[in-house]
């Protein structure tokens, strides 16, 4: 059982804050997302918080930041991030059923 708890801890290190699952859900329908899109889609996230979450996801290997023209960039899921999508969809299904 200890091994299972450790695995849950690893997942909650990534998904355990308020914003990360909310941000990742937008990647389920969009192959790439820009910072301003994420800010608009969430509506209420502080730019500093958004930036910090994106850095954390990038450091964890969940997303990759791709430069575009000028100072713009796009974010996209890595294979590791794509493997999180079924988990997020299950979380959505559970919330729909019980929330």
C-alpha atoms as a PDB file:
ATOM      1  CA  UNK A   1       0.000   0.000   0.000  1.00  0.00           C
ATOM      2  CA  UNK A   2       2.878   2.400   0.640  1.00  0.00           C
ATOM      3  CA  UNK A   3       3.755   2.338  -3.046  1.00  0.00           C
ATOM      4  CA  UNK A   4       0.218   3.411  -3.985  1.00  0.00           C
ATOM      5  CA  UNK A   5       0.273   6.287  -1.516  1.00  0.00           C
ATOM      6  CA  UNK A   6       3.572   7.486  -2.974  1.00  0.00           C
ATOM      7  CA  UNK A   7       2.062   7.423  -6.442  1.00  0.00           C
ATOM      8  CA  UNK A   8      -0.919   9.449  -5.271  1.00  0.00           C
ATOM      9  CA  UNK A   9       1.455  11.936  -3.664  1.00  0.00           C
ATOM     10  CA  UNK A  10       3.285  12.366  -6.961  1.00  0.00           C
ATOM     11  CA  UNK A  11       0.032  13.076  -8.798  1.00  0.00           C
ATOM     12  CA  UNK A  12      -1.230  15.497  -6.171  1.00  0.00           C
ATOM     13  CA  UNK A  13       2.073  17.366  -6.303  1.00  0.00           C
ATOM     14  CA  UNK A  14       1.070  18.285  -9.844  1.00  0.00           C
ATOM     15  CA  UNK A  15      -2.730  18.370  -9.686  1.00  0.00           C
ATOM     16  CA  UNK A  16      -3.243  19.315  -6.047  1.00  0.00           C
ATOM     17  CA  UNK A  17      -3.601  23.073  -6.248  1.00  0.00           C
ATOM     18  CA  UNK A  18      -6.642  25.108  -7.234  1.00  0.00           C
ATOM     19  CA  UNK A  19      -5.509  26.254 -10.651  1.00  0.00           C
ATOM     20  CA  UNK A  20      -3.524  23.464 -12.278  1.00  0.00           C
ATOM     21  CA  UNK A  21      -6.447  21.150 -13.147  1.00  0.00           C
ATOM     22  CA  UNK A  22      -8.425  24.181 -14.301  1.00  0.00           C
ATOM     23  CA  UNK A  23      -5.605  25.201 -16.617  1.00  0.00           C
ATOM     24  CA  UNK A  24      -4.917  21.724 -17.944  1.00  0.00           C
ATOM     25  CA  UNK A  25      -8.550  21.179 -18.941  1.00  0.00           C
ATOM     26  CA  UNK A  26      -8.127  23.715 -21.754  1.00  0.00           C
ATOM     27  CA  UNK A  27      -5.437  21.526 -23.302  1.00  0.00           C
ATOM     28  CA  UNK A  28      -7.993  18.728 -23.710  1.00  0.00           C
ATOM     29  CA  UNK A  29      -9.653  20.625 -26.560  1.00  0.00           C
ATOM     30  CA  UNK A  30      -6.776  22.768 -27.844  1.00  0.00           C
ATOM     31  CA  UNK A  31      -3.424  21.427 -29.053  1.00  0.00           C
ATOM     32  CA  UNK A  32      -1.692  24.685 -28.102  1.00  0.00           C
ATOM     33  CA  UNK A  33      -2.738  27.498 -25.795  1.00  0.00           C
ATOM     34  CA  UNK A  34      -1.281  30.968 -25.306  1.00  0.00           C
ATOM     35  CA  UNK A  35      -0.848  32.736 -21.981  1.00  0.00           C
ATOM     36  CA  UNK A  36      -3.505  35.335 -22.772  1.00  0.00           C
ATOM     37  CA  UNK A  37      -5.948  32.598 -23.809  1.00  0.00           C
ATOM     38  CA  UNK A  38      -5.477  30.828 -20.495  1.00  0.00           C
ATOM     39  CA  UNK A  39      -5.946  34.092 -18.656  1.00  0.00           C
ATOM     40  CA  UNK A  40      -9.156  34.825 -20.587  1.00  0.00           C
ATOM     41  CA  UNK A  41     -10.509  31.283 -20.230  1.00  0.00           C
ATOM     42  CA  UNK A  42     -10.009  31.133 -16.476  1.00  0.00           C
ATOM     43  CA  UNK A  43     -11.272  34.669 -16.011  1.00  0.00           C
ATOM     44  CA  UNK A  44     -10.048  35.240 -12.507  1.00  0.00           C
ATOM     45  CA  UNK A  45      -6.465  34.018 -12.296  1.00  0.00           C
ATOM     46  CA  UNK A  46      -3.809  36.526 -11.360  1.00  0.00           C
ATOM     47  CA  UNK A  47      -1.091  36.779 -14.062  1.00  0.00           C
ATOM     48  CA  UNK A  48       1.625  35.999 -11.497  1.00  0.00           C
ATOM     49  CA  UNK A  49      -0.230  32.886 -10.381  1.00  0.00           C
ATOM     50  CA  UNK A  50      -0.755  31.804 -13.986  1.00  0.00           C
ATOM     51  CA  UNK A  51       2.903  32.312 -14.765  1.00  0.00           C
ATOM     52  CA  UNK A  52       3.954  30.358 -11.665  1.00  0.00           C
ATOM     53  CA  UNK A  53       1.645  27.447 -12.518  1.00  0.00           C
ATOM     54  CA  UNK A  54       2.895  27.309 -16.096  1.00  0.00           C
ATOM     55  CA  UNK A  55       6.510  27.286 -14.905  1.00  0.00           C
ATOM     56  CA  UNK A  56       5.694  24.475 -12.449  1.00  0.00           C
ATOM     57  CA  UNK A  57       4.000  22.451 -15.210  1.00  0.00           C
ATOM     58  CA  UNK A  58       6.925  23.058 -17.529  1.00  0.00           C
ATOM     59  CA  UNK A  59       9.448  22.001 -14.868  1.00  0.00           C
ATOM     60  CA  UNK A  60       7.406  18.849 -14.220  1.00  0.00           C
ATOM     61  CA  UNK A  61       7.517  17.984 -17.916  1.00  0.00           C
ATOM     62  CA  UNK A  62       3.733  18.321 -18.349  1.00  0.00           C
ATOM     63  CA  UNK A  63       3.824  21.189 -20.851  1.00  0.00           C
ATOM     64  CA  UNK A  64       6.401  22.708 -23.136  1.00  0.00           C
ATOM     65  CA  UNK A  65       6.714  26.398 -23.964  1.00  0.00           C
ATOM     66  CA  UNK A  66       7.170  27.170 -27.663  1.00  0.00           C
ATOM     67  CA  UNK A  67       8.289  30.644 -28.749  1.00  0.00           C
ATOM     68  CA  UNK A  68       6.280  32.388 -31.452  1.00  0.00           C
ATOM     69  CA  UNK A  69       6.823  35.728 -33.135  1.00  0.00           C
ATOM     70  CA  UNK A  70       7.939  38.588 -30.921  1.00  0.00           C
ATOM     71  CA  UNK A  71       7.474  37.974 -27.226  1.00  0.00           C
ATOM     72  CA  UNK A  72       4.545  35.597 -27.703  1.00  0.00           C
ATOM     73  CA  UNK A  73       4.696  31.921 -26.918  1.00  0.00           C
ATOM     74  CA  UNK A  74       2.423  28.908 -26.930  1.00  0.00           C
ATOM     75  CA  UNK A  75       2.168  26.046 -24.514  1.00  0.00           C
ATOM     76  CA  UNK A  76       1.423  22.483 -25.460  1.00  0.00           C
ATOM     77  CA  UNK A  77       1.186  19.196 -23.656  1.00  0.00           C
ATOM     78  CA  UNK A  78       4.088  16.800 -23.664  1.00  0.00           C
ATOM     79  CA  UNK A  79       3.408  13.057 -23.860  1.00  0.00           C
ATOM     80  CA  UNK A  80       3.559  13.059 -20.044  1.00  0.00           C
ATOM     81  CA  UNK A  81       0.910  15.805 -20.006  1.00  0.00           C
ATOM     82  CA  UNK A  82      -1.249  13.954 -22.518  1.00  0.00           C
ATOM     83  CA  UNK A  83      -1.253  10.992 -20.137  1.00  0.00           C
ATOM     84  CA  UNK A  84      -2.924  13.255 -17.543  1.00  0.00           C
ATOM     85  CA  UNK A  85      -5.931  13.982 -19.768  1.00  0.00           C
ATOM     86  CA  UNK A  86      -7.812  10.735 -18.959  1.00  0.00           C
ATOM     87  CA  UNK A  87      -7.364  11.504 -15.257  1.00  0.00           C
ATOM     88  CA  UNK A  88      -8.794  14.994 -15.690  1.00  0.00           C
ATOM     89  CA  UNK A  89     -11.702  13.620 -17.706  1.00  0.00           C
ATOM     90  CA  UNK A  90     -12.416  11.108 -14.932  1.00  0.00           C
ATOM     91  CA  UNK A  91     -12.299  13.956 -12.395  1.00  0.00           C
ATOM     92  CA  UNK A  92     -14.797  15.825 -14.566  1.00  0.00           C
ATOM     93  CA  UNK A  93     -17.079  12.797 -14.780  1.00  0.00           C
ATOM     94  CA  UNK A  94     -16.916  12.285 -11.024  1.00  0.00           C
ATOM     95  CA  UNK A  95     -17.738  15.956 -10.410  1.00  0.00           C
ATOM     96  CA  UNK A  96     -20.664  15.829 -12.800  1.00  0.00           C
ATOM     97  CA  UNK A  97     -22.026  12.786 -11.000  1.00  0.00           C
ATOM     98  CA  UNK A  98     -21.496  13.845  -7.385  1.00  0.00           C
ATOM     99  CA  UNK A  99     -20.983  17.606  -7.161  1.00  0.00           C
END
